[in-house]
All heavy atoms as atom14 arrays in JSON, in Angstrom:
{
  "sequence": "GYVPMNIFPREVQPDLVAAVPEFLRILNLRCAVHEYRMVAQGHMD",
  "atom14_mask": [
    [1, 1, 1, 1, 0, 0, 0, 0, 0, 0, 0, 0, 0, 0],
    [1, 1, 1, 1, 1, 1, 1, 1, 1, 1, 1, 1, 0, 0],
    [1, 1, 1, 1, 1, 1, 1, 0, 0, 0, 0, 0, 0, 0],
    [1, 1, 1, 1, 1, 1, 1, 0, 0, 0, 0, 0, 0, 0],
    [1, 1, 1, 1, 1, 1, 1, 1, 0, 0, 0, 0, 0, 0],
    [1, 1, 1, 1, 1, 1, 1, 1, 0, 0, 0, 0, 0, 0],
    [1, 1, 1, 1, 1, 1, 1, 1, 0, 0, 0, 0, 0, 0],
    [1, 1, 1, 1, 1, 1, 1, 1, 1, 1, 1, 0, 0, 0],
    [1, 1, 1, 1, 1, 1, 1, 0, 0, 0, 0, 0, 0, 0],
    [1, 1, 1, 1, 1, 1, 1, 1, 1, 1, 1, 0, 0, 0],
    [1, 1, 1, 1, 1, 1, 1, 1, 1, 0, 0, 0, 0, 0],
    [1, 1, 1, 1, 1, 1, 1, 0, 0, 0, 0, 0, 0, 0],
    [1, 1, 1, 1, 1, 1, 1, 1, 1, 0, 0, 0, 0, 0],
    [1, 1, 1, 1, 1, 1, 1, 0, 0, 0, 0, 0, 0, 0],
    [1, 1, 1, 1, 1, 1, 1, 1, 0, 0, 0, 0, 0, 0],
    [1, 1, 1, 1, 1, 1, 1, 1, 0, 0, 0, 0, 0, 0],
    [1, 1, 1, 1, 1, 1, 1, 0, 0, 0, 0, 0, 0, 0],
    [1, 1, 1, 1, 1, 0, 0, 0, 0, 0, 0, 0, 0, 0],
    [1, 1, 1, 1, 1, 0, 0, 0, 0, 0, 0, 0, 0, 0],
    [1, 1, 1, 1, 1, 1, 1, 0, 0, 0, 0, 0, 0, 0],
    [1, 1, 1, 1, 1, 1, 1, 0, 0, 0, 0, 0, 0, 0],
    [1, 1, 1, 1, 1, 1, 1, 1, 1, 0, 0, 0, 0, 0],
    [1, 1, 1, 1, 1, 1, 1, 1, 1, 1, 1, 0, 0, 0],
    [1, 1, 1, 1, 1, 1, 1, 1, 0, 0, 0, 0, 0, 0],
    [1, 1, 1, 1, 1, 1, 1, 1, 1, 1, 1, 0, 0, 0],
    [1, 1, 1, 1, 1, 1, 1, 1, 0, 0, 0, 0, 0, 0],
    [1, 1, 1, 1, 1, 1, 1, 1, 0, 0, 0, 0, 0, 0],
    [1, 1, 1, 1, 1, 1, 1, 1, 0, 0, 0, 0, 0, 0],
    [1, 1, 1, 1, 1, 1, 1, 1, 0, 0, 0, 0, 0, 0],
    [1, 1, 1, 1, 1, 1, 1, 1, 1, 1, 1, 0, 0, 0],
    [1, 1, 1, 1, 1, 1, 0, 0, 0, 0, 0, 0, 0, 0],
    [1, 1, 1, 1, 1, 0, 0, 0, 0, 0, 0, 0, 0, 0],
    [1, 1, 1, 1, 1, 1, 1, 0, 0, 0, 0, 0, 0, 0],
    [1, 1, 1, 1, 1, 1, 1, 1, 1, 1, 0, 0, 0, 0],
    [1, 1, 1, 1, 1, 1, 1, 1, 1, 0, 0, 0, 0, 0],
    [1, 1, 1, 1, 1, 1, 1, 1, 1, 1, 1, 1, 0, 0],
    [1, 1, 1, 1, 1, 1, 1, 1, 1, 1, 1, 0, 0, 0],
    [1, 1, 1, 1, 1, 1, 1, 1, 0, 0, 0, 0, 0, 0],
    [1, 1, 1, 1, 1, 1, 1, 0, 0, 0, 0, 0, 0, 0],
    [1, 1, 1, 1, 1, 0, 0, 0, 0, 0, 0, 0, 0, 0],
    [1, 1, 1, 1, 1, 1, 1, 1, 1, 0, 0, 0, 0, 0],
    [1, 1, 1, 1, 0, 0, 0, 0, 0, 0, 0, 0, 0, 0],
    [1, 1, 1, 1, 1, 1, 1, 1, 1, 1, 0, 0, 0, 0],
    [1, 1, 1, 1, 1, 1, 1, 1, 0, 0, 0, 0, 0, 0],
    [1, 1, 1, 1, 1, 1, 1, 1, 0, 0, 0, 0, 0, 0]
  ],
  "atom14_positions": [
    [[178.96, 154.85, 289.67], [179.28, 154.43, 288.42], [179.6, 152.91, 288.23], [179.64, 152.22, 289.21], [0.0, 0.0, 0.0], [0.0, 0.0, 0.0], [0.0, 0.0, 0.0], [0.0, 0.0, 0.0], [0.0, 0.0, 0.0], [0.0, 0.0, 0.0], [0.0, 0.0, 0.0], [0.0, 0.0, 0.0], [0.0, 0.0, 0.0], [0.0, 0.0, 0.0]],
    [[179.82, 152.63, 287.0], [180.14, 151.25, 286.61], [181.69, 151.2, 286.21], [182.04, 151.85, 285.28], [179.26, 150.72, 285.52], [177.84, 150.69, 285.83], [176.94, 151.65, 285.29], [177.29, 149.76, 286.65], [175.57, 151.6, 285.55], [175.93, 149.71, 286.96], [175.1, 150.7, 286.45], [173.83, 150.64, 286.73], [0.0, 0.0, 0.0], [0.0, 0.0, 0.0]],
    [[182.38, 150.27, 286.95], [183.78, 150.12, 286.58], [184.01, 148.59, 286.64], [184.11, 147.9, 287.69], [184.71, 150.74, 287.58], [186.21, 150.47, 287.15], [184.54, 152.24, 287.66], [0.0, 0.0, 0.0], [0.0, 0.0, 0.0], [0.0, 0.0, 0.0], [0.0, 0.0, 0.0], [0.0, 0.0, 0.0], [0.0, 0.0, 0.0], [0.0, 0.0, 0.0]],
    [[184.11, 147.88, 285.42], [184.35, 146.48, 285.39], [185.69, 146.08, 285.68], [186.61, 145.87, 284.73], [183.9, 146.12, 283.99], [184.17, 147.36, 283.19], [183.93, 148.45, 284.07], [0.0, 0.0, 0.0], [0.0, 0.0, 0.0], [0.0, 0.0, 0.0], [0.0, 0.0, 0.0], [0.0, 0.0, 0.0], [0.0, 0.0, 0.0], [0.0, 0.0, 0.0]],
    [[186.12, 146.03, 286.88], [187.59, 145.81, 287.33], [188.28, 144.68, 286.56], [189.39, 144.81, 286.14], [187.64, 145.51, 288.76], [186.96, 146.65, 289.69], [187.96, 148.06, 289.93], [187.01, 148.83, 291.12], [0.0, 0.0, 0.0], [0.0, 0.0, 0.0], [0.0, 0.0, 0.0], [0.0, 0.0, 0.0], [0.0, 0.0, 0.0], [0.0, 0.0, 0.0]],
    [[187.41, 143.55, 286.33], [188.11, 142.37, 285.81], [188.63, 142.47, 284.46], [189.42, 141.63, 283.89], [187.22, 141.15, 285.98], [185.89, 141.42, 285.18], [185.12, 142.35, 285.38], [185.68, 140.52, 284.23], [0.0, 0.0, 0.0], [0.0, 0.0, 0.0], [0.0, 0.0, 0.0], [0.0, 0.0, 0.0], [0.0, 0.0, 0.0], [0.0, 0.0, 0.0]],
    [[188.1, 143.46, 283.58], [188.62, 143.54, 282.23], [189.61, 144.55, 282.0], [190.03, 144.7, 280.87], [187.42, 143.72, 281.32], [186.71, 145.08, 281.57], [186.3, 142.59, 281.41], [185.61, 145.45, 280.53], [0.0, 0.0, 0.0], [0.0, 0.0, 0.0], [0.0, 0.0, 0.0], [0.0, 0.0, 0.0], [0.0, 0.0, 0.0], [0.0, 0.0, 0.0]],
    [[190.06, 145.19, 283.04], [191.23, 146.09, 282.89], [192.45, 145.26, 283.09], [192.53, 144.22, 283.76], [191.14, 147.22, 283.95], [190.13, 148.27, 283.65], [188.83, 148.07, 284.09], [190.54, 149.45, 283.05], [187.87, 149.07, 283.67], [189.65, 150.41, 282.76], [188.3, 150.22, 283.07], [0.0, 0.0, 0.0], [0.0, 0.0, 0.0], [0.0, 0.0, 0.0]],
    [[193.6, 145.71, 282.6], [194.88, 144.97, 282.74], [195.14, 144.89, 284.29], [194.85, 145.66, 285.09], [195.94, 145.96, 282.21], [195.18, 146.81, 281.24], [193.79, 147.01, 281.74], [0.0, 0.0, 0.0], [0.0, 0.0, 0.0], [0.0, 0.0, 0.0], [0.0, 0.0, 0.0], [0.0, 0.0, 0.0], [0.0, 0.0, 0.0], [0.0, 0.0, 0.0]],
    [[195.65, 143.68, 284.63], [195.79, 143.26, 285.95], [196.71, 144.31, 286.73], [196.52, 144.53, 287.97], [196.46, 141.87, 286.13], [196.47, 141.27, 287.44], [196.94, 139.83, 287.39], [195.9, 139.0, 286.7], [194.8, 138.45, 287.35], [194.61, 138.7, 288.66], [193.95, 137.71, 286.65], [0.0, 0.0, 0.0], [0.0, 0.0, 0.0], [0.0, 0.0, 0.0]],
    [[197.65, 144.85, 286.07], [198.63, 145.72, 286.79], [197.96, 147.02, 287.22], [198.49, 147.76, 288.07], [199.8, 146.08, 285.85], [199.46, 146.8, 284.53], [199.26, 145.88, 283.38], [198.98, 144.63, 283.65], [199.36, 146.26, 282.21], [0.0, 0.0, 0.0], [0.0, 0.0, 0.0], [0.0, 0.0, 0.0], [0.0, 0.0, 0.0], [0.0, 0.0, 0.0]],
    [[196.8, 147.42, 286.61], [196.18, 148.66, 287.05], [194.92, 148.42, 288.0], [194.38, 149.32, 288.53], [195.63, 149.58, 285.88], [196.81, 149.84, 284.89], [194.51, 148.86, 285.09], [0.0, 0.0, 0.0], [0.0, 0.0, 0.0], [0.0, 0.0, 0.0], [0.0, 0.0, 0.0], [0.0, 0.0, 0.0], [0.0, 0.0, 0.0], [0.0, 0.0, 0.0]],
    [[194.64, 147.21, 288.22], [193.51, 146.87, 289.0], [193.6, 147.3, 290.49], [192.7, 147.84, 290.98], [193.21, 145.44, 288.93], [192.64, 144.97, 287.59], [192.3, 143.44, 287.54], [192.32, 142.7, 288.64], [192.14, 142.9, 286.36], [0.0, 0.0, 0.0], [0.0, 0.0, 0.0], [0.0, 0.0, 0.0], [0.0, 0.0, 0.0], [0.0, 0.0, 0.0]],
    [[194.81, 147.25, 291.09], [195.01, 147.75, 292.48], [194.73, 149.23, 292.49], [193.99, 149.76, 293.53], [196.43, 147.47, 292.78], [196.72, 146.25, 291.97], [196.04, 146.46, 290.62], [0.0, 0.0, 0.0], [0.0, 0.0, 0.0], [0.0, 0.0, 0.0], [0.0, 0.0, 0.0], [0.0, 0.0, 0.0], [0.0, 0.0, 0.0], [0.0, 0.0, 0.0]],
    [[194.99, 149.99, 291.53], [194.81, 151.43, 291.5], [193.35, 151.71, 291.32], [192.74, 152.78, 291.97], [195.57, 152.17, 290.42], [197.05, 152.2, 290.7], [197.53, 152.31, 291.82], [197.88, 152.13, 289.7], [0.0, 0.0, 0.0], [0.0, 0.0, 0.0], [0.0, 0.0, 0.0], [0.0, 0.0, 0.0], [0.0, 0.0, 0.0], [0.0, 0.0, 0.0]],
    [[192.65, 150.98, 290.61], [191.22, 151.14, 290.46], [190.46, 150.8, 291.71], [189.54, 151.44, 292.16], [190.7, 150.19, 289.32], [191.02, 150.57, 287.93], [190.57, 149.42, 286.92], [190.3, 151.88, 287.43], [0.0, 0.0, 0.0], [0.0, 0.0, 0.0], [0.0, 0.0, 0.0], [0.0, 0.0, 0.0], [0.0, 0.0, 0.0], [0.0, 0.0, 0.0]],
    [[190.91, 149.73, 292.4], [190.34, 149.36, 293.63], [190.48, 150.45, 294.73], [189.59, 150.74, 295.48], [190.85, 148.06, 294.22], [190.38, 147.68, 295.64], [190.4, 146.9, 293.18], [0.0, 0.0, 0.0], [0.0, 0.0, 0.0], [0.0, 0.0, 0.0], [0.0, 0.0, 0.0], [0.0, 0.0, 0.0], [0.0, 0.0, 0.0], [0.0, 0.0, 0.0]],
    [[191.64, 151.02, 294.66], [192.05, 152.13, 295.63], [191.19, 153.31, 295.39], [190.88, 154.13, 296.44], [193.49, 152.5, 295.51], [0.0, 0.0, 0.0], [0.0, 0.0, 0.0], [0.0, 0.0, 0.0], [0.0, 0.0, 0.0], [0.0, 0.0, 0.0], [0.0, 0.0, 0.0], [0.0, 0.0, 0.0], [0.0, 0.0, 0.0], [0.0, 0.0, 0.0]],
    [[190.59, 153.54, 294.18], [189.76, 154.68, 294.03], [188.33, 154.49, 294.47], [187.62, 155.48, 294.57], [189.81, 155.04, 292.44], [0.0, 0.0, 0.0], [0.0, 0.0, 0.0], [0.0, 0.0, 0.0], [0.0, 0.0, 0.0], [0.0, 0.0, 0.0], [0.0, 0.0, 0.0], [0.0, 0.0, 0.0], [0.0, 0.0, 0.0], [0.0, 0.0, 0.0]],
    [[187.9, 153.3, 294.64], [186.5, 152.98, 294.96], [185.97, 153.82, 296.15], [184.88, 154.32, 296.04], [186.34, 151.46, 295.28], [184.83, 151.18, 295.85], [186.47, 150.64, 293.88], [0.0, 0.0, 0.0], [0.0, 0.0, 0.0], [0.0, 0.0, 0.0], [0.0, 0.0, 0.0], [0.0, 0.0, 0.0], [0.0, 0.0, 0.0], [0.0, 0.0, 0.0]],
    [[186.68, 153.95, 297.23], [186.1, 154.68, 298.32], [185.84, 156.14, 298.15], [185.08, 156.76, 298.86], [187.09, 154.51, 299.51], [187.94, 153.31, 299.14], [187.95, 153.34, 297.64], [0.0, 0.0, 0.0], [0.0, 0.0, 0.0], [0.0, 0.0, 0.0], [0.0, 0.0, 0.0], [0.0, 0.0, 0.0], [0.0, 0.0, 0.0], [0.0, 0.0, 0.0]],
    [[186.4, 156.69, 297.1], [186.17, 158.14, 296.73], [184.8, 158.33, 296.11], [184.46, 159.57, 295.97], [187.19, 158.59, 295.83], [188.66, 158.45, 296.35], [189.7, 158.92, 295.43], [189.51, 159.85, 294.66], [190.83, 158.34, 295.38], [0.0, 0.0, 0.0], [0.0, 0.0, 0.0], [0.0, 0.0, 0.0], [0.0, 0.0, 0.0], [0.0, 0.0, 0.0]],
    [[184.04, 157.38, 295.73], [182.76, 157.49, 295.02], [181.66, 157.01, 296.02], [181.81, 156.29, 296.98], [182.75, 156.62, 293.77], [183.87, 157.12, 292.73], [185.07, 156.44, 292.67], [183.56, 158.14, 291.96], [186.03, 156.88, 291.89], [184.48, 158.66, 291.02], [185.72, 158.0, 291.08], [0.0, 0.0, 0.0], [0.0, 0.0, 0.0], [0.0, 0.0, 0.0]],
    [[180.47, 157.45, 295.68], [179.27, 156.97, 296.45], [178.99, 155.39, 296.29], [178.86, 154.78, 297.2], [178.04, 157.72, 295.9], [176.77, 157.37, 296.78], [176.81, 157.83, 298.16], [175.63, 158.19, 296.05], [0.0, 0.0, 0.0], [0.0, 0.0, 0.0], [0.0, 0.0, 0.0], [0.0, 0.0, 0.0], [0.0, 0.0, 0.0], [0.0, 0.0, 0.0]],
    [[179.21, 155.0, 295.01], [179.04, 153.51, 294.76], [179.66, 153.2, 293.43], [179.61, 153.89, 292.39], [177.55, 153.22, 294.76], [177.17, 151.8, 294.58], [175.71, 151.49, 294.93], [174.8, 152.36, 294.11], [173.55, 152.12, 293.96], [172.9, 151.15, 294.69], [172.8, 152.94, 293.28], [0.0, 0.0, 0.0], [0.0, 0.0, 0.0], [0.0, 0.0, 0.0]],
    [[180.35, 151.93, 293.42], [180.94, 151.42, 292.2], [180.37, 150.09, 292.02], [180.39, 149.23, 292.92], [182.41, 151.44, 292.27], [182.98, 152.81, 292.39], [183.02, 150.72, 291.1], [182.76, 153.73, 291.11], [0.0, 0.0, 0.0], [0.0, 0.0, 0.0], [0.0, 0.0, 0.0], [0.0, 0.0, 0.0], [0.0, 0.0, 0.0], [0.0, 0.0, 0.0]],
    [[179.85, 149.72, 290.73], [179.19, 148.58, 290.59], [179.74, 147.91, 289.2], [180.42, 148.6, 288.45], [177.65, 148.69, 290.4], [176.93, 149.25, 291.65], [175.46, 149.42, 291.36], [177.09, 148.19, 292.84], [0.0, 0.0, 0.0], [0.0, 0.0, 0.0], [0.0, 0.0, 0.0], [0.0, 0.0, 0.0], [0.0, 0.0, 0.0], [0.0, 0.0, 0.0]],
    [[179.29, 146.69, 288.89], [179.63, 146.11, 287.56], [178.47, 145.08, 287.31], [178.42, 144.06, 287.98], [181.02, 145.38, 287.63], [181.27, 144.55, 286.35], [180.64, 144.72, 285.35], [182.19, 143.74, 286.43], [0.0, 0.0, 0.0], [0.0, 0.0, 0.0], [0.0, 0.0, 0.0], [0.0, 0.0, 0.0], [0.0, 0.0, 0.0], [0.0, 0.0, 0.0]],
    [[177.62, 145.34, 286.32], [176.54, 144.5, 286.07], [176.88, 143.36, 284.97], [176.0, 142.55, 284.67], [175.36, 145.38, 285.43], [174.83, 146.45, 286.4], [173.65, 147.07, 285.67], [174.45, 145.88, 287.73], [0.0, 0.0, 0.0], [0.0, 0.0, 0.0], [0.0, 0.0, 0.0], [0.0, 0.0, 0.0], [0.0, 0.0, 0.0], [0.0, 0.0, 0.0]],
    [[178.07, 143.46, 284.46], [178.53, 142.44, 283.39], [177.53, 142.65, 282.2], [177.29, 141.63, 281.51], [178.42, 141.07, 283.85], [179.38, 140.85, 285.15], [179.31, 139.35, 285.43], [179.77, 138.46, 284.39], [181.11, 137.95, 284.26], [181.97, 138.28, 285.2], [181.39, 137.33, 283.3], [0.0, 0.0, 0.0], [0.0, 0.0, 0.0], [0.0, 0.0, 0.0]],
    [[177.05, 143.87, 281.99], [176.07, 144.02, 280.9], [176.05, 145.52, 280.44], [175.46, 146.3, 281.12], [174.65, 143.52, 281.3], [173.39, 143.59, 280.04], [0.0, 0.0, 0.0], [0.0, 0.0, 0.0], [0.0, 0.0, 0.0], [0.0, 0.0, 0.0], [0.0, 0.0, 0.0], [0.0, 0.0, 0.0], [0.0, 0.0, 0.0], [0.0, 0.0, 0.0]],
    [[176.54, 145.8, 279.26], [176.61, 147.21, 278.75], [175.18, 147.74, 278.57], [174.83, 148.93, 278.76], [177.4, 147.28, 277.59], [0.0, 0.0, 0.0], [0.0, 0.0, 0.0], [0.0, 0.0, 0.0], [0.0, 0.0, 0.0], [0.0, 0.0, 0.0], [0.0, 0.0, 0.0], [0.0, 0.0, 0.0], [0.0, 0.0, 0.0], [0.0, 0.0, 0.0]],
    [[174.27, 146.83, 278.1], [172.85, 147.33, 277.89], [172.34, 147.93, 279.15], [171.83, 149.13, 279.08], [171.9, 146.11, 277.53], [170.46, 146.48, 277.74], [172.2, 145.6, 276.1], [0.0, 0.0, 0.0], [0.0, 0.0, 0.0], [0.0, 0.0, 0.0], [0.0, 0.0, 0.0], [0.0, 0.0, 0.0], [0.0, 0.0, 0.0], [0.0, 0.0, 0.0]],
    [[172.34, 147.26, 280.27], [171.75, 147.79, 281.38], [172.52, 148.9, 282.1], [172.08, 149.88, 282.74], [171.4, 146.74, 282.47], [170.23, 145.88, 281.96], [168.95, 146.39, 282.2], [170.22, 144.8, 281.39], [168.18, 145.44, 281.6], [168.86, 144.44, 281.22], [0.0, 0.0, 0.0], [0.0, 0.0, 0.0], [0.0, 0.0, 0.0], [0.0, 0.0, 0.0]],
    [[173.85, 148.94, 281.91], [174.77, 150.0, 282.51], [174.42, 151.27, 281.74], [174.23, 152.34, 282.36], [176.19, 149.57, 282.36], [176.5, 148.43, 283.39], [178.0, 148.08, 283.31], [178.79, 148.48, 282.5], [178.36, 147.19, 284.14], [0.0, 0.0, 0.0], [0.0, 0.0, 0.0], [0.0, 0.0, 0.0], [0.0, 0.0, 0.0], [0.0, 0.0, 0.0]],
    [[174.38, 151.21, 280.4], [174.17, 152.52, 279.7], [172.64, 152.94, 279.86], [172.33, 154.13, 279.84], [174.43, 152.29, 278.12], [175.95, 152.43, 277.89], [176.67, 151.36, 277.34], [176.57, 153.64, 278.08], [177.93, 151.55, 277.03], [177.98, 153.87, 277.73], [178.6, 152.71, 277.22], [179.99, 152.83, 276.88], [0.0, 0.0, 0.0], [0.0, 0.0, 0.0]],
    [[171.79, 151.94, 280.05], [170.32, 152.35, 280.25], [170.23, 153.17, 281.54], [169.59, 154.11, 281.61], [169.55, 151.15, 280.3], [169.13, 150.42, 279.02], [168.45, 149.15, 279.23], [167.21, 149.25, 279.98], [165.94, 149.39, 279.45], [165.9, 149.33, 278.09], [164.94, 149.5, 280.2], [0.0, 0.0, 0.0], [0.0, 0.0, 0.0], [0.0, 0.0, 0.0]],
    [[171.0, 152.7, 282.59], [170.88, 153.41, 283.79], [171.54, 154.76, 283.76], [170.97, 155.73, 284.41], [171.58, 152.58, 284.9], [170.82, 151.26, 285.25], [169.33, 151.53, 286.19], [170.06, 151.83, 287.76], [0.0, 0.0, 0.0], [0.0, 0.0, 0.0], [0.0, 0.0, 0.0], [0.0, 0.0, 0.0], [0.0, 0.0, 0.0], [0.0, 0.0, 0.0]],
    [[172.65, 154.93, 283.13], [173.31, 156.2, 282.93], [172.49, 157.18, 282.1], [172.3, 158.41, 282.46], [174.72, 156.09, 282.34], [175.34, 157.45, 282.06], [175.64, 155.35, 283.29], [0.0, 0.0, 0.0], [0.0, 0.0, 0.0], [0.0, 0.0, 0.0], [0.0, 0.0, 0.0], [0.0, 0.0, 0.0], [0.0, 0.0, 0.0], [0.0, 0.0, 0.0]],
    [[171.83, 156.71, 281.0], [171.0, 157.53, 280.2], [169.83, 158.03, 280.94], [169.25, 159.16, 280.63], [170.55, 156.76, 278.86], [0.0, 0.0, 0.0], [0.0, 0.0, 0.0], [0.0, 0.0, 0.0], [0.0, 0.0, 0.0], [0.0, 0.0, 0.0], [0.0, 0.0, 0.0], [0.0, 0.0, 0.0], [0.0, 0.0, 0.0], [0.0, 0.0, 0.0]],
    [[169.33, 157.31, 281.89], [168.06, 157.63, 282.6], [168.53, 158.53, 283.84], [167.54, 159.02, 284.57], [167.4, 156.42, 283.13], [166.75, 155.68, 281.98], [166.11, 154.43, 282.57], [164.89, 154.43, 282.83], [166.86, 153.36, 282.64], [0.0, 0.0, 0.0], [0.0, 0.0, 0.0], [0.0, 0.0, 0.0], [0.0, 0.0, 0.0], [0.0, 0.0, 0.0]],
    [[169.72, 158.76, 284.11], [170.2, 159.55, 285.27], [170.17, 158.81, 286.54], [170.36, 159.42, 287.55], [0.0, 0.0, 0.0], [0.0, 0.0, 0.0], [0.0, 0.0, 0.0], [0.0, 0.0, 0.0], [0.0, 0.0, 0.0], [0.0, 0.0, 0.0], [0.0, 0.0, 0.0], [0.0, 0.0, 0.0], [0.0, 0.0, 0.0], [0.0, 0.0, 0.0]],
    [[170.02, 157.48, 286.51], [170.0, 156.65, 287.76], [171.42, 156.41, 288.18], [171.63, 156.17, 289.36], [169.21, 155.45, 287.53], [167.84, 155.5, 287.11], [166.97, 156.57, 287.58], [167.04, 154.87, 286.25], [165.82, 156.49, 287.06], [165.8, 155.4, 286.22], [0.0, 0.0, 0.0], [0.0, 0.0, 0.0], [0.0, 0.0, 0.0], [0.0, 0.0, 0.0]],
    [[172.39, 156.33, 287.26], [173.81, 156.22, 287.59], [174.51, 157.34, 286.81], [173.97, 157.86, 285.95], [174.33, 154.95, 287.22], [173.7, 153.76, 287.99], [174.31, 153.64, 289.7], [175.99, 152.82, 289.42], [0.0, 0.0, 0.0], [0.0, 0.0, 0.0], [0.0, 0.0, 0.0], [0.0, 0.0, 0.0], [0.0, 0.0, 0.0], [0.0, 0.0, 0.0]],
    [[175.72, 157.61, 287.25], [176.38, 158.82, 286.95], [177.5, 158.74, 285.83], [177.86, 159.53, 285.1], [177.01, 159.56, 288.08], [175.87, 159.79, 289.15], [174.96, 160.42, 288.81], [176.15, 159.28, 290.24], [0.0, 0.0, 0.0], [0.0, 0.0, 0.0], [0.0, 0.0, 0.0], [0.0, 0.0, 0.0], [0.0, 0.0, 0.0], [0.0, 0.0, 0.0]]
  ]
}
């Protein structure tokens, strides 16, 4: 999935980072167009 860490409040970022190993892959494309395109096509979850 896509999780744009940098735009979440700084105080919750450590908890988001701690969750990363629980997933197959976490990315951030800095672009909602391509993130939603990938999810709609089933390429990302």
